[in-house]
Amino acid sequence: GAETLMGWAADITRTFPVSGKFSSTQRDIYDVVLA
């Protein structure tokens, strides 16, 4: 996350597959977290 010159913050997390494609098990868990 970035912080502005005046000190205000953002905070983001993403999780993504290195190959560009989720495995079936990764996709199953990912969809639970997204839900």
PDB file of all heavy atoms in Angstrom:
ATOM      1  N   GLY A   1       0.813  -1.209   0.000  1.00  0.00           N
ATOM      2  CA  GLY A   1       0.000   0.000   0.000  1.00  0.00           C
ATOM      3  C   GLY A   1       0.844   1.254   0.000  1.00  0.00           C
ATOM      4  O   GLY A   1       1.941   1.280   0.559  1.00  0.00           O
ATOM      5  N   ALA A   2       0.326   2.303  -0.614  1.00  0.00           N
ATOM      6  CA  ALA A   2       1.023   3.589  -0.707  1.00  0.00           C
ATOM      7  C   ALA A   2       0.608   4.514   0.423  1.00  0.00           C
ATOM      8  O   ALA A   2      -0.467   4.356   1.020  1.00  0.00           O
ATOM      9  CB  ALA A   2       0.733   4.244  -2.049  1.00  0.00           C
ATOM     10  N   GLU A   3       1.467   5.484   0.699  1.00  0.00           N
ATOM     11  CA  GLU A   3       1.173   6.538   1.663  1.00  0.00           C
ATOM     12  C   GLU A   3       1.474   7.875   1.014  1.00  0.00           C
ATOM     13  O   GLU A   3       2.527   8.064   0.408  1.00  0.00           O
ATOM     14  CB  GLU A   3       2.026   6.366   2.922  1.00  0.00           C
ATOM     15  CG  GLU A   3       1.803   7.436   3.976  1.00  0.00           C
ATOM     16  CD  GLU A   3       2.650   7.219   5.214  1.00  0.00           C
ATOM     17  OE1 GLU A   3       2.301   6.335   6.012  1.00  0.00           O
ATOM     18  OE2 GLU A   3       3.660   7.922   5.385  1.00  0.00           O
ATOM     19  N   THR A   4       0.553   8.833   1.132  1.00  0.00           N
ATOM     20  CA  THR A   4       0.741  10.140   0.521  1.00  0.00           C
ATOM     21  C   THR A   4       1.787  10.953   1.283  1.00  0.00           C
ATOM     22  O   THR A   4       2.184  10.609   2.393  1.00  0.00           O
ATOM     23  CB  THR A   4      -0.576  10.937   0.502  1.00  0.00           C
ATOM     24  OG1 THR A   4      -0.931  11.290   1.851  1.00  0.00           O
ATOM     25  CG2 THR A   4      -1.700  10.128  -0.140  1.00  0.00           C
ATOM     26  N   LEU A   5       2.180  12.074   0.696  1.00  0.00           N
ATOM     27  CA  LEU A   5       3.156  12.942   1.353  1.00  0.00           C
ATOM     28  C   LEU A   5       2.648  13.445   2.698  1.00  0.00           C
ATOM     29  O   LEU A   5       3.435  13.710   3.605  1.00  0.00           O
ATOM     30  CB  LEU A   5       3.476  14.139   0.451  1.00  0.00           C
ATOM     31  CG  LEU A   5       4.296  13.852  -0.811  1.00  0.00           C
ATOM     32  CD1 LEU A   5       4.402  15.111  -1.659  1.00  0.00           C
ATOM     33  CD2 LEU A   5       5.666  13.322  -0.459  1.00  0.00           C
ATOM     34  N   MET A   6       1.335  13.569   2.822  1.00  0.00           N
ATOM     35  CA  MET A   6       0.744  14.045   4.072  1.00  0.00           C
ATOM     36  C   MET A   6       0.492  12.913   5.065  1.00  0.00           C
ATOM     37  O   MET A   6      -0.057  13.141   6.142  1.00  0.00           O
ATOM     38  CB  MET A   6      -0.564  14.787   3.788  1.00  0.00           C
ATOM     39  CG  MET A   6      -0.388  16.013   2.923  1.00  0.00           C
ATOM     40  SD  MET A   6       0.708  17.243   3.677  1.00  0.00           S
ATOM     41  CE  MET A   6       0.498  18.617   2.533  1.00  0.00           C
ATOM     42  N   GLY A   7       0.844  11.676   4.693  1.00  0.00           N
ATOM     43  CA  GLY A   7       0.811  10.578   5.652  1.00  0.00           C
ATOM     44  C   GLY A   7      -0.381   9.655   5.592  1.00  0.00           C
ATOM     45  O   GLY A   7      -0.487   8.739   6.409  1.00  0.00           O
ATOM     46  N   TRP A   8      -1.289   9.831   4.630  1.00  0.00           N
ATOM     47  CA  TRP A   8      -2.499   9.018   4.572  1.00  0.00           C
ATOM     48  C   TRP A   8      -2.252   7.753   3.774  1.00  0.00           C
ATOM     49  O   TRP A   8      -1.601   7.773   2.732  1.00  0.00           O
ATOM     50  CB  TRP A   8      -3.651   9.833   3.983  1.00  0.00           C
ATOM     51  CG  TRP A   8      -3.980  11.007   4.847  1.00  0.00           C
ATOM     52  CD1 TRP A   8      -3.422  12.252   4.795  1.00  0.00           C
ATOM     53  CD2 TRP A   8      -4.911  11.039   5.928  1.00  0.00           C
ATOM     54  NE1 TRP A   8      -3.955  13.064   5.761  1.00  0.00           N
ATOM     55  CE2 TRP A   8      -4.878  12.353   6.479  1.00  0.00           C
ATOM     56  CE3 TRP A   8      -5.787  10.113   6.480  1.00  0.00           C
ATOM     57  CZ2 TRP A   8      -5.672  12.726   7.552  1.00  0.00           C
ATOM     58  CZ3 TRP A   8      -6.583  10.488   7.554  1.00  0.00           C
ATOM     59  CH2 TRP A   8      -6.534  11.787   8.074  1.00  0.00           C
ATOM     60  N   ALA A   9      -2.816   6.636   4.236  1.00  0.00           N
ATOM     61  CA  ALA A   9      -2.424   5.316   3.754  1.00  0.00           C
ATOM     62  C   ALA A   9      -3.529   4.601   2.992  1.00  0.00           C
ATOM     63  O   ALA A   9      -4.723   4.882   3.150  1.00  0.00           O
ATOM     64  CB  ALA A   9      -2.003   4.444   4.945  1.00  0.00           C
ATOM     65  N   ALA A  10      -3.092   3.643   2.175  1.00  0.00           N
ATOM     66  CA  ALA A  10      -3.964   2.626   1.584  1.00  0.00           C
ATOM     67  C   ALA A  10      -3.374   1.267   1.921  1.00  0.00           C
ATOM     68  O   ALA A  10      -2.207   1.164   2.332  1.00  0.00           O
ATOM     69  CB  ALA A  10      -4.072   2.814   0.078  1.00  0.00           C
ATOM     70  N   ASP A  11      -4.173   0.217   1.730  1.00  0.00           N
ATOM     71  CA  ASP A  11      -3.751  -1.124   2.128  1.00  0.00           C
ATOM     72  C   ASP A  11      -4.502  -2.133   1.271  1.00  0.00           C
ATOM     73  O   ASP A  11      -5.712  -2.285   1.428  1.00  0.00           O
ATOM     74  CB  ASP A  11      -4.062  -1.328   3.619  1.00  0.00           C
ATOM     75  CG  ASP A  11      -3.518  -2.630   4.181  1.00  0.00           C
ATOM     76  OD1 ASP A  11      -2.817  -3.346   3.453  1.00  0.00           O
ATOM     77  OD2 ASP A  11      -3.803  -2.918   5.360  1.00  0.00           O
ATOM     78  N   ILE A  12      -3.801  -2.785   0.359  1.00  0.00           N
ATOM     79  CA  ILE A  12      -4.437  -3.728  -0.570  1.00  0.00           C
ATOM     80  C   ILE A  12      -3.672  -5.043  -0.552  1.00  0.00           C
ATOM     81  O   ILE A  12      -2.439  -5.048  -0.525  1.00  0.00           O
ATOM     82  CB  ILE A  12      -4.452  -3.187  -2.012  1.00  0.00           C
ATOM     83  CG1 ILE A  12      -5.130  -1.818  -2.092  1.00  0.00           C
ATOM     84  CG2 ILE A  12      -5.141  -4.173  -2.953  1.00  0.00           C
ATOM     85  CD1 ILE A  12      -5.095  -1.202  -3.484  1.00  0.00           C
ATOM     86  N   THR A  13      -4.398  -6.141  -0.609  1.00  0.00           N
ATOM     87  CA  THR A  13      -3.777  -7.452  -0.805  1.00  0.00           C
ATOM     88  C   THR A  13      -4.478  -8.173  -1.949  1.00  0.00           C
ATOM     89  O   THR A  13      -5.704  -8.182  -2.029  1.00  0.00           O
ATOM     90  CB  THR A  13      -3.871  -8.326   0.453  1.00  0.00           C
ATOM     91  OG1 THR A  13      -3.337  -7.617   1.571  1.00  0.00           O
ATOM     92  CG2 THR A  13      -3.080  -9.624   0.269  1.00  0.00           C
ATOM     93  N   ARG A  14      -3.668  -8.752  -2.819  1.00  0.00           N
ATOM     94  CA  ARG A  14      -4.159  -9.661  -3.832  1.00  0.00           C
ATOM     95  C   ARG A  14      -3.277 -10.919  -3.808  1.00  0.00           C
ATOM     96  O   ARG A  14      -2.073 -10.846  -3.477  1.00  0.00           O
ATOM     97  CB  ARG A  14      -4.115  -9.045  -5.218  1.00  0.00           C
ATOM     98  CG  ARG A  14      -5.124  -7.933  -5.432  1.00  0.00           C
ATOM     99  CD  ARG A  14      -6.551  -8.440  -5.395  1.00  0.00           C
ATOM    100  NE  ARG A  14      -7.522  -7.393  -5.713  1.00  0.00           N
ATOM    101  CZ  ARG A  14      -8.097  -6.629  -4.797  1.00  0.00           C
ATOM    102  NH1 ARG A  14      -7.797  -6.776  -3.511  1.00  0.00           N
ATOM    103  NH2 ARG A  14      -8.986  -5.720  -5.154  1.00  0.00           N
ATOM    104  N   THR A  15      -3.875 -12.031  -4.155  1.00  0.00           N
ATOM    105  CA  THR A  15      -3.144 -13.294  -4.254  1.00  0.00           C
ATOM    106  C   THR A  15      -3.391 -13.844  -5.652  1.00  0.00           C
ATOM    107  O   THR A  15      -4.549 -13.956  -6.071  1.00  0.00           O
ATOM    108  CB  THR A  15      -3.632 -14.294  -3.200  1.00  0.00           C
ATOM    109  OG1 THR A  15      -3.610 -13.663  -1.901  1.00  0.00           O
ATOM    110  CG2 THR A  15      -2.743 -15.527  -3.177  1.00  0.00           C
ATOM    111  N   PHE A  16      -2.322 -14.153  -6.357  1.00  0.00           N
ATOM    112  CA  PHE A  16      -2.474 -14.563  -7.754  1.00  0.00           C
ATOM    113  C   PHE A  16      -1.481 -15.667  -8.100  1.00  0.00           C
ATOM    114  O   PHE A  16      -0.430 -15.813  -7.452  1.00  0.00           O
ATOM    115  CB  PHE A  16      -2.312 -13.364  -8.692  1.00  0.00           C
ATOM    116  CG  PHE A  16      -1.167 -12.447  -8.373  1.00  0.00           C
ATOM    117  CD1 PHE A  16       0.088 -12.656  -8.905  1.00  0.00           C
ATOM    118  CD2 PHE A  16      -1.368 -11.359  -7.533  1.00  0.00           C
ATOM    119  CE1 PHE A  16       1.137 -11.797  -8.618  1.00  0.00           C
ATOM    120  CE2 PHE A  16      -0.322 -10.491  -7.235  1.00  0.00           C
ATOM    121  CZ  PHE A  16       0.945 -10.711  -7.787  1.00  0.00           C
ATOM    122  N   PRO A  17      -1.793 -16.460  -9.117  1.00  0.00           N
ATOM    123  CA  PRO A  17      -0.936 -17.586  -9.488  1.00  0.00           C
ATOM    124  C   PRO A  17       0.268 -17.120 -10.312  1.00  0.00           C
ATOM    125  O   PRO A  17       0.119 -16.327 -11.245  1.00  0.00           O
ATOM    126  CB  PRO A  17      -1.856 -18.474 -10.317  1.00  0.00           C
ATOM    127  CG  PRO A  17      -2.860 -17.533 -10.906  1.00  0.00           C
ATOM    128  CD  PRO A  17      -3.038 -16.421  -9.915  1.00  0.00           C
ATOM    129  N   VAL A  18       1.438 -17.611  -9.947  1.00  0.00           N
ATOM    130  CA  VAL A  18       2.655 -17.241 -10.667  1.00  0.00           C
ATOM    131  C   VAL A  18       2.548 -17.623 -12.144  1.00  0.00           C
ATOM    132  O   VAL A  18       3.013 -16.909 -13.030  1.00  0.00           O
ATOM    133  CB  VAL A  18       3.887 -17.922 -10.016  1.00  0.00           C
ATOM    134  CG1 VAL A  18       5.117 -17.801 -10.895  1.00  0.00           C
ATOM    135  CG2 VAL A  18       4.135 -17.318  -8.637  1.00  0.00           C
ATOM    136  N   SER A  19       1.901 -18.740 -12.422  1.00  0.00           N
ATOM    137  CA  SER A  19       1.760 -19.211 -13.805  1.00  0.00           C
ATOM    138  C   SER A  19       0.708 -18.448 -14.589  1.00  0.00           C
ATOM    139  O   SER A  19       0.619 -18.574 -15.810  1.00  0.00           O
ATOM    140  CB  SER A  19       1.390 -20.695 -13.802  1.00  0.00           C
ATOM    141  OG  SER A  19       0.086 -20.876 -13.249  1.00  0.00           O
ATOM    142  N   GLY A  20      -0.119 -17.653 -13.889  1.00  0.00           N
ATOM    143  CA  GLY A  20      -1.220 -16.969 -14.546  1.00  0.00           C
ATOM    144  C   GLY A  20      -2.516 -17.749 -14.521  1.00  0.00           C
ATOM    145  O   GLY A  20      -3.558 -17.237 -14.960  1.00  0.00           O
ATOM    146  N   LYS A  21      -2.502 -18.937 -13.970  1.00  0.00           N
ATOM    147  CA  LYS A  21      -3.691 -19.778 -13.927  1.00  0.00           C
ATOM    148  C   LYS A  21      -3.762 -20.488 -12.583  1.00  0.00           C
ATOM    149  O   LYS A  21      -2.828 -21.175 -12.176  1.00  0.00           O
ATOM    150  CB  LYS A  21      -3.644 -20.814 -15.059  1.00  0.00           C
ATOM    151  CG  LYS A  21      -4.888 -21.683 -15.184  1.00  0.00           C
ATOM    152  CD  LYS A  21      -6.061 -20.914 -15.778  1.00  0.00           C
ATOM    153  CE  LYS A  21      -7.248 -21.851 -16.024  1.00  0.00           C
ATOM    154  NZ  LYS A  21      -8.430 -21.099 -16.557  1.00  0.00           N
ATOM    155  N   PHE A  22      -4.894 -20.325 -11.878  1.00  0.00           N
ATOM    156  CA  PHE A  22      -5.102 -21.032 -10.623  1.00  0.00           C
ATOM    157  C   PHE A  22      -5.272 -22.523 -10.888  1.00  0.00           C
ATOM    158  O   PHE A  22      -5.927 -22.918 -11.859  1.00  0.00           O
ATOM    159  CB  PHE A  22      -6.367 -20.529  -9.914  1.00  0.00           C
ATOM    160  CG  PHE A  22      -6.283 -19.141  -9.346  1.00  0.00           C
ATOM    161  CD1 PHE A  22      -6.776 -18.051 -10.061  1.00  0.00           C
ATOM    162  CD2 PHE A  22      -5.726 -18.921  -8.096  1.00  0.00           C
ATOM    163  CE1 PHE A  22      -6.726 -16.769  -9.535  1.00  0.00           C
ATOM    164  CE2 PHE A  22      -5.665 -17.646  -7.557  1.00  0.00           C
ATOM    165  CZ  PHE A  22      -6.155 -16.560  -8.282  1.00  0.00           C
ATOM    166  N   SER A  23      -4.703 -23.354 -10.019  1.00  0.00           N
ATOM    167  CA  SER A  23      -5.035 -24.772 -10.067  1.00  0.00           C
ATOM    168  C   SER A  23      -6.466 -24.945  -9.557  1.00  0.00           C
ATOM    169  O   SER A  23      -7.054 -24.022  -8.977  1.00  0.00           O
ATOM    170  CB  SER A  23      -4.071 -25.582  -9.198  1.00  0.00           C
ATOM    171  OG  SER A  23      -4.317 -25.335  -7.817  1.00  0.00           O
ATOM    172  N   SER A  24      -7.039 -26.118  -9.756  1.00  0.00           N
ATOM    173  CA  SER A  24      -8.425 -26.340  -9.316  1.00  0.00           C
ATOM    174  C   SER A  24      -8.553 -26.201  -7.805  1.00  0.00           C
ATOM    175  O   SER A  24      -9.542 -25.637  -7.303  1.00  0.00           O
ATOM    176  CB  SER A  24      -8.904 -27.717  -9.773  1.00  0.00           C
ATOM    177  OG  SER A  24      -8.096 -28.747  -9.210  1.00  0.00           O
ATOM    178  N   THR A  25      -7.579 -26.699  -7.071  1.00  0.00           N
ATOM    179  CA  THR A  25      -7.649 -26.586  -5.611  1.00  0.00           C
ATOM    180  C   THR A  25      -7.439 -25.136  -5.160  1.00  0.00           C
ATOM    181  O   THR A  25      -8.099 -24.661  -4.234  1.00  0.00           O
ATOM    182  CB  THR A  25      -6.609 -27.506  -4.954  1.00  0.00           C
ATOM    183  OG1 THR A  25      -5.340 -27.329  -5.613  1.00  0.00           O
ATOM    184  CG2 THR A  25      -7.026 -28.961  -5.057  1.00  0.00           C
ATOM    185  N   GLN A  26      -6.521 -24.429  -5.808  1.00  0.00           N
ATOM    186  CA  GLN A  26      -6.310 -23.021  -5.481  1.00  0.00           C
ATOM    187  C   GLN A  26      -7.560 -22.205  -5.776  1.00  0.00           C
ATOM    188  O   GLN A  26      -7.959 -21.354  -4.977  1.00  0.00           O
ATOM    189  CB  GLN A  26      -5.121 -22.478  -6.272  1.00  0.00           C
ATOM    190  CG  GLN A  26      -3.781 -23.033  -5.832  1.00  0.00           C
ATOM    191  CD  GLN A  26      -2.654 -22.694  -6.795  1.00  0.00           C
ATOM    192  OE1 GLN A  26      -2.903 -22.251  -7.932  1.00  0.00           O
ATOM    193  NE2 GLN A  26      -1.412 -22.910  -6.370  1.00  0.00           N
ATOM    194  N   ARG A  27      -8.185 -22.488  -6.886  1.00  0.00           N
ATOM    195  CA  ARG A  27      -9.405 -21.764  -7.253  1.00  0.00           C
ATOM    196  C   ARG A  27     -10.530 -22.038  -6.255  1.00  0.00           C
ATOM    197  O   ARG A  27     -11.288 -21.137  -5.870  1.00  0.00           O
ATOM    198  CB  ARG A  27      -9.837 -22.158  -8.662  1.00  0.00           C
ATOM    199  CG  ARG A  27     -11.167 -21.540  -9.137  1.00  0.00           C
ATOM    200  CD  ARG A  27     -11.067 -20.021  -9.233  1.00  0.00           C
ATOM    201  NE  ARG A  27     -12.357 -19.440  -9.584  1.00  0.00           N
ATOM    202  CZ  ARG A  27     -12.759 -19.205 -10.843  1.00  0.00           C
ATOM    203  NH1 ARG A  27     -11.976 -19.515 -11.866  1.00  0.00           N
ATOM    204  NH2 ARG A  27     -13.930 -18.657 -11.068  1.00  0.00           N
ATOM    205  N   ASP A  28     -10.647 -23.280  -5.806  1.00  0.00           N
ATOM    206  CA  ASP A  28     -11.681 -23.623  -4.830  1.00  0.00           C
ATOM    207  C   ASP A  28     -11.535 -22.804  -3.549  1.00  0.00           C
ATOM    208  O   ASP A  28     -12.505 -22.235  -3.042  1.00  0.00           O
ATOM    209  CB  ASP A  28     -11.626 -25.111  -4.489  1.00  0.00           C
ATOM    210  CG  ASP A  28     -12.198 -25.993  -5.591  1.00  0.00           C
ATOM    211  OD1 ASP A  28     -12.921 -25.467  -6.459  1.00  0.00           O
ATOM    212  OD2 ASP A  28     -11.905 -27.200  -5.582  1.00  0.00           O
ATOM    213  N   ILE A  29     -10.308 -22.755  -3.019  1.00  0.00           N
ATOM    214  CA  ILE A  29     -10.081 -21.999  -1.784  1.00  0.00           C
ATOM    215  C   ILE A  29     -10.224 -20.501  -2.040  1.00  0.00           C
ATOM    216  O   ILE A  29     -10.811 -19.769  -1.227  1.00  0.00           O
ATOM    217  CB  ILE A  29      -8.694 -22.316  -1.189  1.00  0.00           C
ATOM    218  CG1 ILE A  29      -8.588 -23.792  -0.809  1.00  0.00           C
ATOM    219  CG2 ILE A  29      -8.415 -21.428   0.024  1.00  0.00           C
ATOM    220  CD1 ILE A  29      -9.482 -24.215   0.328  1.00  0.00           C
ATOM    221  N   TYR A  30      -9.704 -20.045  -3.159  1.00  0.00           N
ATOM    222  CA  TYR A  30      -9.781 -18.616  -3.490  1.00  0.00           C
ATOM    223  C   TYR A  30     -11.232 -18.148  -3.523  1.00  0.00           C
ATOM    224  O   TYR A  30     -11.568 -17.084  -2.973  1.00  0.00           O
ATOM    225  CB  TYR A  30      -9.121 -18.342  -4.843  1.00  0.00           C
ATOM    226  CG  TYR A  30      -8.985 -16.867  -5.149  1.00  0.00           C
ATOM    227  CD1 TYR A  30      -7.830 -16.165  -4.815  1.00  0.00           C
ATOM    228  CD2 TYR A  30     -10.026 -16.159  -5.754  1.00  0.00           C
ATOM    229  CE1 TYR A  30      -7.714 -14.808  -5.074  1.00  0.00           C
ATOM    230  CE2 TYR A  30      -9.924 -14.804  -6.007  1.00  0.00           C
ATOM    231  CZ  TYR A  30      -8.768 -14.141  -5.669  1.00  0.00           C
ATOM    232  OH  TYR A  30      -8.654 -12.792  -5.912  1.00  0.00           O
ATOM    233  N   ASP A  31     -12.091 -18.929  -4.117  1.00  0.00           N
ATOM    234  CA  ASP A  31     -13.498 -18.541  -4.221  1.00  0.00           C
ATOM    235  C   ASP A  31     -14.182 -18.513  -2.854  1.00  0.00           C
ATOM    236  O   ASP A  31     -15.107 -17.711  -2.629  1.00  0.00           O
ATOM    237  CB  ASP A  31     -14.230 -19.479  -5.165  1.00  0.00           C
ATOM    238  CG  ASP A  31     -13.887 -19.222  -6.633  1.00  0.00           C
ATOM    239  OD1 ASP A  31     -13.287 -18.166  -6.927  1.00  0.00           O
ATOM    240  OD2 ASP A  31     -14.211 -20.079  -7.486  1.00  0.00           O
ATOM    241  N   VAL A  32     -13.755 -19.362  -1.933  1.00  0.00           N
ATOM    242  CA  VAL A  32     -14.290 -19.316  -0.575  1.00  0.00           C
ATOM    243  C   VAL A  32     -13.898 -17.993   0.098  1.00  0.00           C
ATOM    244  O   VAL A  32     -14.727 -17.317   0.720  1.00  0.00           O
ATOM    245  CB  VAL A  32     -13.785 -20.517   0.259  1.00  0.00           C
ATOM    246  CG1 VAL A  32     -14.128 -20.327   1.736  1.00  0.00           C
ATOM    247  CG2 VAL A  32     -14.383 -21.814  -0.261  1.00  0.00           C
ATOM    248  N   VAL A  33     -12.630 -17.626  -0.038  1.00  0.00           N
ATOM    249  CA  VAL A  33     -12.156 -16.373   0.571  1.00  0.00           C
ATOM    250  C   VAL A  33     -12.857 -15.181  -0.065  1.00  0.00           C
ATOM    251  O   VAL A  33     -13.280 -14.235   0.627  1.00  0.00           O
ATOM    252  CB  VAL A  33     -10.625 -16.260   0.435  1.00  0.00           C
ATOM    253  CG1 VAL A  33     -10.138 -14.907   0.963  1.00  0.00           C
ATOM    254  CG2 VAL A  33      -9.936 -17.394   1.184  1.00  0.00           C
ATOM    255  N   LEU A  34     -13.013 -15.199  -1.393  1.00  0.00           N
ATOM    256  CA  LEU A  34     -13.679 -14.089  -2.073  1.00  0.00           C
ATOM    257  C   LEU A  34     -15.146 -13.983  -1.660  1.00  0.00           C
ATOM    258  O   LEU A  34     -15.680 -12.875  -1.510  1.00  0.00           O
ATOM    259  CB  LEU A  34     -13.563 -14.262  -3.589  1.00  0.00           C
ATOM    260  CG  LEU A  34     -14.156 -13.122  -4.428  1.00  0.00           C
ATOM    261  CD1 LEU A  34     -13.451 -11.808  -4.135  1.00  0.00           C
ATOM    262  CD2 LEU A  34     -14.066 -13.452  -5.924  1.00  0.00           C
ATOM    263  N   ALA A  35     -15.793 -15.117  -1.461  1.00  0.00           N
ATOM    264  CA  ALA A  35     -17.183 -15.094  -1.010  1.00  0.00           C
ATOM    265  C   ALA A  35     -17.299 -14.426   0.352  1.00  0.00           C
ATOM    266  O   ALA A  35     -18.230 -13.644   0.607  1.00  0.00           O
ATOM    267  CB  ALA A  35     -17.734 -16.517  -0.958  1.00  0.00           C
TER     268      ALA A  35
END
